[in-house]
């Protein structure tokens, strides 16, 4: 039963879940960026509910997606490192929806491995090399397309070819705005003189050009979001279709993606459901990516799953003032380079624990090959970077970082040593330790070697195998998958 919604909205909805790839939480108009052209994403917020304090459980793409689909924290999925596939024994919300009569399909980026593909009735997987496009009425053989620059090319055909006699769940995952970038993804393009350079990046022509290309891919993604909304309306099913729009992690720039700052783990989170919620609303309620699975089942009238770690945020859809959790937790694991960390956040404060604080906070390898990183290397050599901008080069790092997200939204000042905030620090450390104990968190017995050079971002071909955990570690104290 859906809690906190009107009787009218209890009828189970169709669900369309849209996932951007490497898009920062505030790089769209709805979250305050006046430059990026996102009229369709902004339209979702105008017609639905926007969440101000929404967080992912991982700062890296495939661990984040694995956490979402299983409703579990990354260290409990068996897929917490980049490109580790989900075990076939994993319980996901998708097969529960399927068992309840939903048609289930995924279109676009996959990144979850082979073990859980059978949870979906259909999968149209996109990669940089190409994708499978559904054709005709769904009875004809799918067609291979040479390139999938946005990853969204199969979204509309999948929606058109679905069975019309079932409620449906669609996992629509973009490749945009993931690197590598190419000019020409949006016409007309954004202008580099207009982009907003965050304070942790130097304001150079190279950085501005890099951000412009990133903006263009967000703009291209936005076009496909608009096409999905238009197709739902054309089919006459928009009224009782819930759309949830999020990203899998933050922008692929230094101190964003693969970090535990908001640029790595905070997400846009917009819900549109005309029959179930009133448009133009905002909620300050904390929500976590582990809450998506139980919420989708709740809305579909399916019993909760004991392996899920999250809680349903359906009550917030009925009243944006409702609070469903006090804390959000996130994880940092291997992504191109070895690292390990955890964070806990409230609506105001965030505590980051850097477990491998002897290592520099090196950005992801794709960011390391970027125009931005090359500019930062030059600026670093010339001594032109600010303290925050050169943090990616510094080792050791602080073991703990504490930020006031209200007064310091860019997380520029570490408050760990501020005497007046020691009660906050002690309380968050305690809550983080209890969460770690409760969920069977652990430090790996073996550090995973870097697979790329930390300066150039180029691959180190001497690294062939990343060690997996022991069975005891994989199952931990939190039960099976």
Protein backbone atom coordinates (compact mmCIF):
# COMPACT_ATOMS: atom_id res chain seq x y z
CA UNK A 1 0.00 0.00 0.00
CA UNK A 2 1.33 3.45 -0.89
CA UNK A 3 1.59 5.53 2.26
CA UNK A 4 0.66 9.20 2.31
CA UNK A 5 -0.92 9.41 -1.15
CA UNK A 6 -4.53 9.97 -2.04
CA UNK A 7 -6.78 7.02 -2.82
CA UNK A 8 -6.83 8.19 -6.43
CA UNK A 9 -3.09 7.59 -6.73
CA UNK A 10 -3.00 4.13 -5.22
CA UNK A 11 -3.53 2.56 -8.65
CA UNK A 12 -0.10 1.22 -9.50
CA UNK A 13 1.74 3.41 -11.97
CA UNK A 14 3.94 2.72 -14.93
CA UNK A 15 7.53 3.60 -13.99
CA UNK A 16 10.16 5.24 -16.20
CA UNK A 17 13.56 5.49 -14.55
CA UNK A 18 16.01 7.81 -16.36
CA UNK A 19 19.70 7.72 -15.39
CA UNK A 20 22.19 10.31 -16.65
CA UNK A 21 25.83 9.22 -16.83
CA UNK A 22 28.32 11.47 -14.97
CA UNK A 23 26.06 14.53 -14.63
CA UNK A 24 26.50 16.82 -11.66
CA UNK A 25 23.51 17.36 -9.42
CA UNK A 26 23.27 21.11 -10.07
CA UNK A 27 24.18 21.23 -13.76
CA UNK A 28 20.65 21.87 -14.97
CA UNK A 29 18.30 24.81 -14.78
CA UNK A 30 16.03 23.24 -12.19
CA UNK A 31 18.92 23.13 -9.70
CA UNK A 32 20.13 26.65 -10.39
CA UNK A 33 22.47 26.52 -13.39
CA UNK A 34 21.22 29.30 -15.70
CA UNK A 35 23.53 28.34 -18.58
CA UNK A 36 22.99 24.63 -19.33
CA UNK A 37 20.02 24.26 -21.67
CA UNK A 38 17.78 21.70 -19.97
CA UNK A 39 14.17 22.76 -20.64
CA UNK A 40 12.85 19.19 -20.54
CA UNK A 41 14.55 18.21 -17.29
CA UNK A 42 13.39 21.52 -15.86
CA UNK A 43 9.90 20.67 -17.10
CA UNK A 44 9.91 17.48 -15.03
CA UNK A 45 10.53 19.61 -11.95
CA UNK A 46 7.87 22.15 -12.92
CA UNK A 47 5.31 19.37 -13.30
CA UNK A 48 6.57 17.21 -10.43
CA UNK A 49 8.63 17.23 -7.24
CA UNK A 50 12.30 18.21 -6.92
CA UNK A 51 14.40 16.81 -4.06
CA UNK A 52 17.04 19.12 -2.59
CA UNK A 53 18.98 16.56 -0.55
CA UNK A 54 19.32 13.44 -2.68
CA UNK A 55 22.41 11.24 -2.58
CA UNK A 56 23.91 8.23 -4.29
CA UNK A 57 25.66 5.45 -2.42
CA UNK A 58 28.74 5.43 -4.67
CA UNK A 59 30.85 7.97 -6.54
CA UNK A 60 31.43 5.61 -9.46
CA UNK A 61 29.08 4.44 -12.22
CA UNK A 62 28.73 0.64 -12.11
CA UNK A 63 28.84 0.35 -8.28
CA UNK A 64 26.19 3.07 -8.11
CA UNK A 65 23.91 1.28 -10.57
CA UNK A 66 24.43 -2.06 -8.81
CA UNK A 67 23.43 -0.45 -5.54
CA UNK A 68 20.30 1.07 -7.07
CA UNK A 69 19.01 -2.11 -8.69
CA UNK A 70 19.62 -4.28 -5.60
CA UNK A 71 18.63 -1.70 -2.99
CA UNK A 72 21.88 -2.45 -1.15
CA UNK A 73 25.00 -0.55 -0.22
CA UNK A 74 27.88 -1.18 -2.63
CA UNK A 75 29.94 -3.24 -0.18
CA UNK A 76 27.00 -5.64 0.13
CA UNK A 77 26.42 -6.15 -3.60
CA UNK A 78 29.59 -8.02 -4.57
CA UNK A 79 30.05 -5.36 -7.28
CA UNK A 80 31.52 -2.41 -5.43
CA UNK A 81 34.48 -1.85 -7.75
CA UNK A 82 34.25 -0.40 -11.25
CA UNK A 83 33.27 -3.04 -13.86
CA UNK A 84 32.72 -5.79 -11.30
CA UNK A 85 29.49 -7.51 -12.46
CA UNK A 86 26.59 -8.16 -10.16
CA UNK A 87 26.49 -11.80 -9.02
CA UNK A 88 23.72 -13.81 -10.67
CA UNK A 89 22.29 -14.62 -7.22
CA UNK A 90 21.52 -10.95 -6.61
CA UNK A 91 17.97 -9.99 -5.68
CA UNK A 92 16.78 -6.92 -7.62
CA UNK A 93 13.59 -4.94 -7.62
CA UNK A 94 13.15 -5.61 -11.34
CA UNK A 95 12.24 -9.29 -11.10
CA UNK A 96 9.80 -8.40 -8.31
CA UNK A 97 8.05 -5.94 -10.62
CA UNK A 98 8.15 -8.51 -13.40
CA UNK A 99 6.61 -11.11 -11.12
CA UNK A 100 3.85 -8.64 -10.29
CA UNK A 101 2.86 -8.35 -13.95
CA UNK A 102 5.04 -5.49 -15.13
CA UNK A 103 6.75 -5.53 -18.50
CA UNK A 104 10.40 -4.72 -17.76
CA UNK A 105 12.92 -3.37 -20.24
CA UNK A 106 16.30 -1.65 -20.16
CA UNK A 107 17.59 0.58 -22.95
CA UNK A 108 20.92 2.37 -23.13
CA UNK A 109 24.00 1.93 -20.97
CA UNK A 110 24.01 -1.36 -19.07
CA UNK A 111 27.18 -1.74 -16.98
CA UNK A 112 25.80 -4.41 -14.61
CA UNK A 113 27.28 -7.59 -16.08
CA UNK A 114 25.58 -10.66 -17.50
CA UNK A 115 24.27 -12.17 -14.26
CA UNK A 116 21.09 -10.10 -13.89
CA UNK A 117 20.12 -9.50 -17.52
CA UNK A 118 17.38 -12.12 -17.25
CA UNK A 119 15.55 -9.86 -14.80
CA UNK A 120 14.33 -7.84 -17.78
CA UNK A 121 11.98 -8.95 -20.53
CA UNK A 122 14.07 -6.98 -23.02
CA UNK A 123 17.46 -5.27 -22.96
CA UNK A 124 18.70 -2.95 -25.70
CA UNK A 125 22.27 -2.31 -24.65
CA UNK A 126 24.25 0.72 -25.81
CA UNK A 127 27.98 1.28 -25.75
CA UNK A 128 30.36 3.66 -27.45
CA UNK A 129 30.78 1.00 -30.16
CA UNK A 130 27.10 0.59 -30.99
CA UNK A 131 23.71 -0.54 -29.76
CA UNK A 132 20.77 -2.80 -30.50
CA UNK A 133 17.68 -0.96 -31.68
CA UNK A 134 14.22 -2.59 -31.33
CA UNK A 135 12.34 -2.42 -34.61
CA UNK A 136 8.82 -2.74 -35.93
CA UNK A 137 6.19 -4.04 -33.53
CA UNK A 138 8.68 -5.93 -31.38
CA UNK A 139 8.29 -9.15 -33.37
CA UNK A 140 10.93 -8.29 -35.95
CA UNK A 141 14.61 -9.01 -35.16
CA UNK A 142 16.40 -6.13 -33.43
CA UNK A 143 18.79 -4.12 -35.60
CA UNK A 144 22.42 -3.27 -34.78
CA UNK A 145 23.32 0.40 -35.15
CA UNK A 146 26.94 1.37 -35.66
CA UNK A 147 27.20 4.11 -33.06
CA UNK A 148 25.38 5.17 -29.95
CA UNK A 149 26.77 8.64 -29.20
CA UNK A 150 24.19 9.48 -26.55
CA UNK A 151 23.10 6.00 -25.47
CA UNK A 152 19.48 7.15 -25.69
CA UNK A 153 18.75 6.10 -29.26
CA UNK A 154 16.69 3.03 -28.27
CA UNK A 155 14.58 4.77 -25.63
CA UNK A 156 11.64 5.76 -27.82
CA UNK A 157 11.51 2.49 -29.85
CA UNK A 158 11.51 0.55 -26.57
CA UNK A 159 8.61 2.62 -25.30
CA UNK A 160 6.75 2.23 -28.60
CA UNK A 161 7.25 -1.54 -28.85
CA UNK A 162 6.22 -2.43 -25.29
CA UNK A 163 3.20 -4.69 -24.75
CA UNK A 164 0.17 -2.45 -24.44
CA UNK A 165 -1.74 -4.73 -22.06
CA UNK A 166 0.69 -4.54 -19.10
CA UNK A 167 1.97 -1.88 -16.75
CA UNK A 168 5.61 -1.23 -17.60
CA UNK A 169 8.94 -0.45 -15.98
CA UNK A 170 11.67 1.06 -18.16
CA UNK A 171 15.32 1.48 -17.09
CA UNK A 172 16.50 4.20 -19.49
CA UNK A 173 20.23 4.84 -19.08
CA UNK A 174 22.15 7.43 -21.09
CA UNK A 175 25.81 7.55 -22.02
CA UNK A 176 25.62 11.35 -21.86
CA UNK A 177 27.43 13.28 -20.45
CA UNK A 178 30.18 10.67 -19.95
CA UNK A 179 33.56 11.29 -21.55
CA UNK A 180 35.16 11.22 -24.08
CA UNK A 181 33.71 14.43 -25.51
CA UNK A 182 33.41 15.36 -29.17
CA UNK A 183 32.35 18.68 -30.59
CA UNK A 184 28.99 18.75 -32.35
CA UNK A 185 26.79 16.93 -29.85
CA UNK A 186 24.40 19.90 -29.58
CA UNK A 187 23.29 22.45 -32.15
CA UNK A 188 23.71 25.26 -31.38
CA UNK A 189 26.50 24.55 -28.90
CA UNK A 190 26.96 26.28 -25.57
CA UNK A 191 29.54 29.08 -25.43
CA UNK A 192 32.66 28.62 -23.34
CA UNK A 193 32.50 32.23 -22.15
CA UNK A 194 29.14 31.43 -20.50
CA UNK A 195 30.04 28.30 -18.54
CA UNK A 196 30.20 28.39 -14.75
CA UNK A 197 33.61 27.27 -13.49
CA UNK A 198 33.34 25.79 -9.97
CA UNK A 199 35.90 27.10 -7.46
CA UNK A 200 37.78 23.80 -7.24
CA UNK A 201 38.77 24.13 -10.91
CA UNK A 202 41.00 26.86 -12.39
CA UNK A 203 39.32 29.32 -14.72
CA UNK A 204 41.38 28.75 -17.86
CA UNK A 205 40.36 28.59 -21.54
CA UNK A 206 40.95 24.81 -21.54
CA UNK A 207 38.71 24.24 -18.53
CA UNK A 208 35.99 26.40 -20.05
CA UNK A 209 36.13 24.48 -23.32
CA UNK A 210 35.96 21.18 -21.44
CA UNK A 211 32.92 22.34 -19.48
CA UNK A 212 31.28 23.60 -22.68
CA UNK A 213 31.55 20.17 -24.27
CA UNK A 214 30.16 18.63 -21.07
CA UNK A 215 27.24 21.09 -21.13
CA UNK A 216 26.52 20.15 -24.75
CA UNK A 217 26.15 16.47 -23.84
CA UNK A 218 23.77 17.37 -21.02
CA UNK A 219 21.79 19.38 -23.57
CA UNK A 220 21.66 16.37 -25.89
CA UNK A 221 20.44 14.16 -23.05
CA UNK A 222 17.75 16.73 -22.29
CA UNK A 223 16.39 16.39 -25.83
CA UNK A 224 15.81 12.67 -25.26
CA UNK A 225 14.12 13.33 -21.92
CA UNK A 226 11.70 15.56 -23.81
CA UNK A 227 11.06 12.86 -26.41
CA UNK A 228 10.21 10.34 -23.67
CA UNK A 229 7.69 12.73 -22.11
CA UNK A 230 6.17 13.48 -25.53
CA UNK A 231 5.87 9.77 -26.39
CA UNK A 232 4.15 9.00 -23.09
CA UNK A 233 1.68 11.77 -23.82
CA UNK A 234 1.17 10.54 -27.40
CA UNK A 235 0.35 7.07 -26.08
CA UNK A 236 -2.08 8.50 -23.54
CA UNK A 237 -0.28 6.98 -20.55
CA UNK A 238 1.52 10.04 -19.13
CA UNK A 239 -1.06 10.67 -16.42
CA UNK A 240 -0.29 7.47 -14.50
CA UNK A 241 3.39 7.12 -15.40
CA UNK A 242 5.95 8.00 -12.74
CA UNK A 243 9.23 9.38 -14.10
CA UNK A 244 12.26 9.49 -11.81
CA UNK A 245 15.30 11.34 -13.16
CA UNK A 246 18.71 10.96 -11.47
CA UNK A 247 22.40 10.59 -12.32
CA UNK A 248 24.75 7.72 -11.41
CA UNK A 249 27.56 9.97 -10.10
CA UNK A 250 28.85 13.50 -10.48
CA UNK A 251 30.60 15.32 -13.32
CA UNK A 252 33.79 13.68 -14.68
CA UNK A 253 36.15 16.41 -13.52
CA UNK A 254 38.78 16.57 -10.76
CA UNK A 255 37.32 16.65 -7.23
CA UNK A 256 33.92 15.55 -8.55
CA UNK A 257 33.41 12.00 -9.91
CA UNK A 258 35.16 9.38 -7.71
CA UNK A 259 35.15 11.80 -4.77
CA UNK A 260 32.84 11.86 -1.75
CA UNK A 261 32.20 15.56 -2.13
CA UNK A 262 28.78 16.59 -3.41
CA UNK A 263 30.29 16.72 -6.90
CA UNK A 264 30.72 12.96 -6.67
CA UNK A 265 27.69 11.65 -4.79
CA UNK A 266 24.89 14.22 -4.80
CA UNK A 267 22.29 13.73 -7.51
CA UNK A 268 19.44 15.54 -9.20
CA UNK A 269 16.28 13.71 -8.13
CA UNK A 270 13.09 14.74 -9.85
CA UNK A 271 9.80 12.84 -9.76
CA UNK A 272 6.94 13.54 -12.13
CA UNK A 273 3.69 11.61 -11.69
CA UNK A 274 0.62 13.65 -12.69
CA UNK A 275 -1.90 11.25 -11.16
CA UNK A 276 0.01 10.79 -7.92
CA UNK A 277 1.65 14.08 -7.00
CA UNK A 278 1.03 17.78 -7.46
CA UNK A 279 3.50 19.63 -9.66
CA UNK A 280 5.85 22.44 -8.72
CA UNK A 281 6.83 21.03 -5.33
CA UNK A 282 10.20 20.77 -3.59
CA UNK A 283 11.28 18.52 -0.74
CA UNK A 284 14.21 18.93 1.64
CA UNK A 285 13.80 15.35 2.82
CA UNK A 286 16.99 13.28 2.70
CA UNK A 287 16.79 10.42 0.22
CA UNK A 288 19.35 7.81 -0.78
CA UNK A 289 19.76 5.67 -3.89
CA UNK A 290 19.05 2.58 -1.75
CA UNK A 291 15.55 3.99 -1.27
CA UNK A 292 14.65 3.66 -4.96
CA UNK A 293 14.11 -0.11 -4.96
CA UNK A 294 11.73 -0.22 -1.97
CA UNK A 295 9.85 2.81 -3.29
CA UNK A 296 9.22 1.31 -6.71
CA UNK A 297 7.90 -1.86 -5.09
CA UNK A 298 5.80 0.16 -2.66
CA UNK A 299 4.18 2.10 -5.50
CA UNK A 300 3.55 -1.13 -7.41
CA UNK A 301 1.90 -2.73 -4.40
CA UNK A 302 4.65 -5.36 -4.05
CA UNK A 303 5.77 -6.59 -0.64
CA UNK A 304 9.15 -5.27 0.53
CA UNK A 305 12.28 -7.41 0.15
CA UNK A 306 14.31 -8.23 3.24
CA UNK A 307 17.64 -7.71 1.48
CA UNK A 308 16.88 -4.05 0.73
CA UNK A 309 18.75 -1.59 2.92
CA UNK A 310 16.70 1.48 2.05
CA UNK A 311 13.27 2.81 2.93
CA UNK A 312 10.38 3.87 0.71
CA UNK A 313 10.21 7.60 0.05
CA UNK A 314 6.61 7.26 -1.17
CA UNK A 315 5.35 9.20 1.90
CA UNK A 316 7.33 12.22 0.71
CA UNK A 317 5.46 12.18 -2.59
CA UNK A 318 2.27 12.71 -0.61
CA UNK A 319 3.78 15.39 1.62
CA UNK A 320 7.18 16.92 0.78
CA UNK A 321 7.68 17.88 4.43
CA UNK A 322 7.81 14.23 5.55
CA UNK A 323 11.21 12.87 6.61
CA UNK A 324 12.06 9.23 5.90
CA UNK A 325 15.70 9.12 7.07
CA UNK A 326 18.16 11.08 9.22
CA UNK A 327 21.41 10.18 7.44
CA UNK A 328 22.71 9.23 4.01
CA UNK A 329 25.82 7.09 3.50
CA UNK A 330 28.14 6.80 0.54
CA UNK A 331 31.20 4.77 -0.44
CA UNK A 332 34.45 5.26 -2.34
CA UNK A 333 36.10 2.19 -3.88
CA UNK A 334 38.60 1.41 -6.62
CA UNK A 335 37.89 3.29 -9.86
CA UNK A 336 40.93 3.22 -12.16
CA UNK A 337 43.02 3.97 -9.07
CA UNK A 338 43.10 2.49 -5.59
CA UNK A 339 41.06 4.36 -2.99
CA UNK A 340 38.70 3.62 -0.13
CA UNK A 341 36.49 5.93 1.90
CA UNK A 342 33.10 6.47 3.44
CA UNK A 343 30.83 9.44 4.10
CA UNK A 344 27.79 10.26 6.19
CA UNK A 345 25.58 13.25 5.60
CA UNK A 346 22.67 15.13 7.09
CA UNK A 347 20.79 18.05 5.58
CA UNK A 348 23.53 20.33 6.93
CA UNK A 349 26.75 18.45 7.65
CA UNK A 350 28.88 15.88 5.88
CA UNK A 351 31.70 13.79 7.33
CA UNK A 352 34.17 12.08 4.97
CA UNK A 353 36.50 9.33 6.17
CA UNK A 354 39.50 8.73 3.90
CA UNK A 355 40.72 5.21 4.68
CA UNK A 356 43.65 5.37 2.25
CA UNK A 357 44.64 8.90 3.18
CA UNK A 358 48.24 8.18 2.22
CA UNK A 359 47.12 8.43 -1.44
CA UNK A 360 46.35 11.60 -3.36
CA UNK A 361 42.75 12.18 -4.44
CA UNK A 362 43.53 11.44 -8.08
CA UNK A 363 40.55 11.95 -10.43
CA UNK A 364 39.22 9.20 -12.69
CA UNK A 365 41.43 8.28 -15.64
CA UNK A 366 39.06 9.81 -18.19
CA UNK A 367 39.19 13.09 -16.30
CA UNK A 368 42.97 12.65 -16.14
CA UNK A 369 43.15 12.67 -19.94
CA UNK A 370 40.97 15.77 -20.19
CA UNK A 371 41.64 19.35 -21.20
CA UNK A 372 40.94 20.31 -17.59
CA UNK A 373 43.57 18.02 -16.07
CA UNK A 374 46.21 19.04 -18.60
CA UNK A 375 45.53 22.66 -17.72
CA UNK A 376 45.71 21.85 -14.02
CA UNK A 377 49.05 20.08 -14.46
CA UNK A 378 50.47 23.20 -16.06
CA UNK A 379 48.96 25.46 -13.41
CA UNK A 380 50.30 23.19 -10.68
CA UNK A 381 53.82 23.35 -12.07
CA UNK A 382 53.57 27.14 -12.18
CA UNK A 383 52.23 27.35 -8.62
CA UNK A 384 49.05 29.04 -9.86
CA UNK A 385 46.45 26.74 -8.27
CA UNK A 386 44.60 27.60 -5.09
CA UNK A 387 44.86 25.26 -2.11
CA UNK A 388 41.54 23.60 -2.98
CA UNK A 389 42.44 23.31 -6.68
CA UNK A 390 45.73 21.54 -5.95
CA UNK A 391 44.19 19.08 -3.48
CA UNK A 392 44.19 16.31 -6.12
CA UNK A 393 48.00 16.39 -6.09
CA UNK A 394 48.49 16.34 -2.32
CA UNK A 395 49.34 13.30 -0.20
CA UNK A 396 48.73 12.51 2.55
CA UNK A 397 45.17 13.76 2.80
CA UNK A 398 43.26 14.37 6.02
CA UNK A 399 41.83 11.19 7.47
CA UNK A 400 38.57 13.01 8.24
CA UNK A 401 36.87 15.97 6.58
CA UNK A 402 33.85 17.78 7.98
CA UNK A 403 31.82 20.30 5.98
CA UNK A 404 28.92 22.64 6.70
CA UNK A 405 26.91 22.27 3.50
CA UNK A 406 24.68 25.24 4.32
CA UNK A 407 27.43 27.82 4.86
CA UNK A 408 30.02 26.15 2.62
CA UNK A 409 28.15 24.42 -0.22
CA UNK A 410 31.34 23.98 -2.28
CA UNK A 411 33.02 22.10 0.61
CA UNK A 412 36.09 24.31 0.64
CA UNK A 413 36.76 24.50 4.40
CA UNK A 414 37.45 21.37 6.45
CA UNK A 415 35.98 21.98 9.91
CA UNK A 416 37.40 18.93 11.69
CA UNK A 417 39.55 21.11 13.96
CA UNK A 418 36.84 23.61 14.88
CA UNK A 419 36.21 23.24 18.61
CA UNK A 420 32.57 24.33 18.48
CA UNK A 421 31.79 21.51 16.04
CA UNK A 422 33.38 18.68 18.02
CA UNK A 423 29.96 17.39 19.19
CA UNK A 424 28.87 17.19 15.54
CA UNK A 425 32.10 15.41 14.59
CA UNK A 426 31.79 12.89 17.43
CA UNK A 427 28.13 12.21 16.65
CA UNK A 428 28.73 11.64 12.92
CA UNK A 429 31.71 9.38 13.59
CA UNK A 430 29.56 7.33 15.94
CA UNK A 431 26.69 7.03 13.43
CA UNK A 432 29.11 6.08 10.65
CA UNK A 433 30.72 3.39 12.81
CA UNK A 434 27.33 1.96 13.76
CA UNK A 435 26.24 1.88 10.11
CA UNK A 436 29.49 0.09 9.18
CA UNK A 437 28.89 -2.50 11.88
CA UNK A 438 25.23 -2.91 10.99
CA UNK A 439 25.89 -3.46 7.29
CA UNK A 440 29.04 -5.58 7.61
CA UNK A 441 31.38 -3.01 6.11
CA UNK A 442 35.09 -3.81 6.03
CA UNK A 443 38.52 -2.77 4.78
CA UNK A 444 39.76 -5.03 1.95
CA UNK A 445 42.51 -7.47 2.91
CA UNK A 446 44.44 -6.57 -0.26
CA UNK A 447 44.80 -3.18 -1.89
CA UNK A 448 43.92 -3.12 -5.57
CA UNK A 449 46.69 -1.75 -7.82
CA UNK A 450 46.18 1.29 -10.03
CA UNK A 451 45.45 0.48 -13.67
CA UNK A 452 46.34 3.94 -14.98
CA UNK A 453 49.12 6.46 -14.52
CA UNK A 454 48.06 9.00 -11.90
CA UNK A 455 49.48 11.95 -13.86
CA UNK A 456 48.75 11.16 -17.50
CA UNK A 457 45.63 8.98 -17.15
CA UNK A 458 47.17 6.48 -19.59
CA UNK A 459 46.72 2.73 -18.95
CA UNK A 460 49.33 0.67 -17.11
CA UNK A 461 49.31 -2.57 -19.09
CA UNK A 462 51.29 -4.40 -16.39
CA UNK A 463 48.12 -4.59 -14.28
CA UNK A 464 45.99 -7.51 -15.46
CA UNK A 465 43.94 -8.81 -12.55
CA UNK A 466 42.21 -7.06 -9.69
CA UNK A 467 41.91 -9.28 -6.59
CA UNK A 468 38.40 -10.23 -5.52
CA UNK A 469 37.29 -10.58 -1.95
CA UNK A 470 37.22 -13.78 -0.01
CA UNK A 471 33.81 -15.49 0.35
CA UNK A 472 33.71 -14.46 3.98
CA UNK A 473 34.20 -10.83 3.03
CA UNK A 474 31.72 -11.07 0.16
CA UNK A 475 28.93 -12.30 2.40
CA UNK A 476 30.05 -10.41 5.50
CA UNK A 477 27.65 -10.05 8.41
CA UNK A 478 24.80 -8.68 6.35
CA UNK A 479 23.50 -11.82 4.69
CA UNK A 480 23.58 -13.07 1.12
CA UNK A 481 23.06 -11.04 -1.99
